[in-house]
Amino acid sequence: LDALGINEAFSAVTHTLRSEGKLGGRVLDAGAGTCSSAALWSKLPEIEHVDAVELSWHRISLLAAPTIAALSGRPEKISRIFGSFTDIHRPDGSYEIATMTAAFHHCSEPELLISELDRCLAPGGAIVLMGEEPVGRSDILRRFAADLIKRRRLRCSFEALFPPHPQIGDHYYRF
């Protein structure tokens, strides 16, 4: 988590939420993976409960518990839920915070995902994305130049320059 900058980002996010009076209540950890982020949220006294939703049965059922323990999380405050982050089976307004840590880039339908996170938020709630590396202008220019020079192709659309990764399905997004 240190190497990925997650601990630093989490500290900054919790500081901001606390200063805005938005740190507390229930958290939706969408695309929870092995529940490292859920473990961090669960340690905060202001957080009542964390629903960790993950589409990988292996991660949520086998890897989450040891990860939560290794990070000194509070397992009694975490519900591990097998499911999709674009179809959260909870009523509207169920959470004060909806978060994703290094998971947004796995979504092929970002508008649907953000809409679903927003639906699940209580009024005044916060959506928090951490651990993402959006593509900036210099990345776009480098890819455009490399394409032109090495491949002798002229592709001008972002989607053509940055297609989803063919094996792991990662998607690239701009700021």
Foldseek 3Di string as FASTA:
>chain_A
DVVLCPVVQVVVVQVVCVVVVLQAEEEEAAQCFLPLVVQVSQPDPRYQAYEYEHQDCCNLPPRNVVNSVVSVGDVVRYDRHHDHLLDDPDQFQQGQEYEYELCCQLDPDNVSNVVSSNRNHHVPHYYYYYSDDADDPVNVVVLQVCCCPVVVDHDDDPCVSFPADPPRRGGHHHD
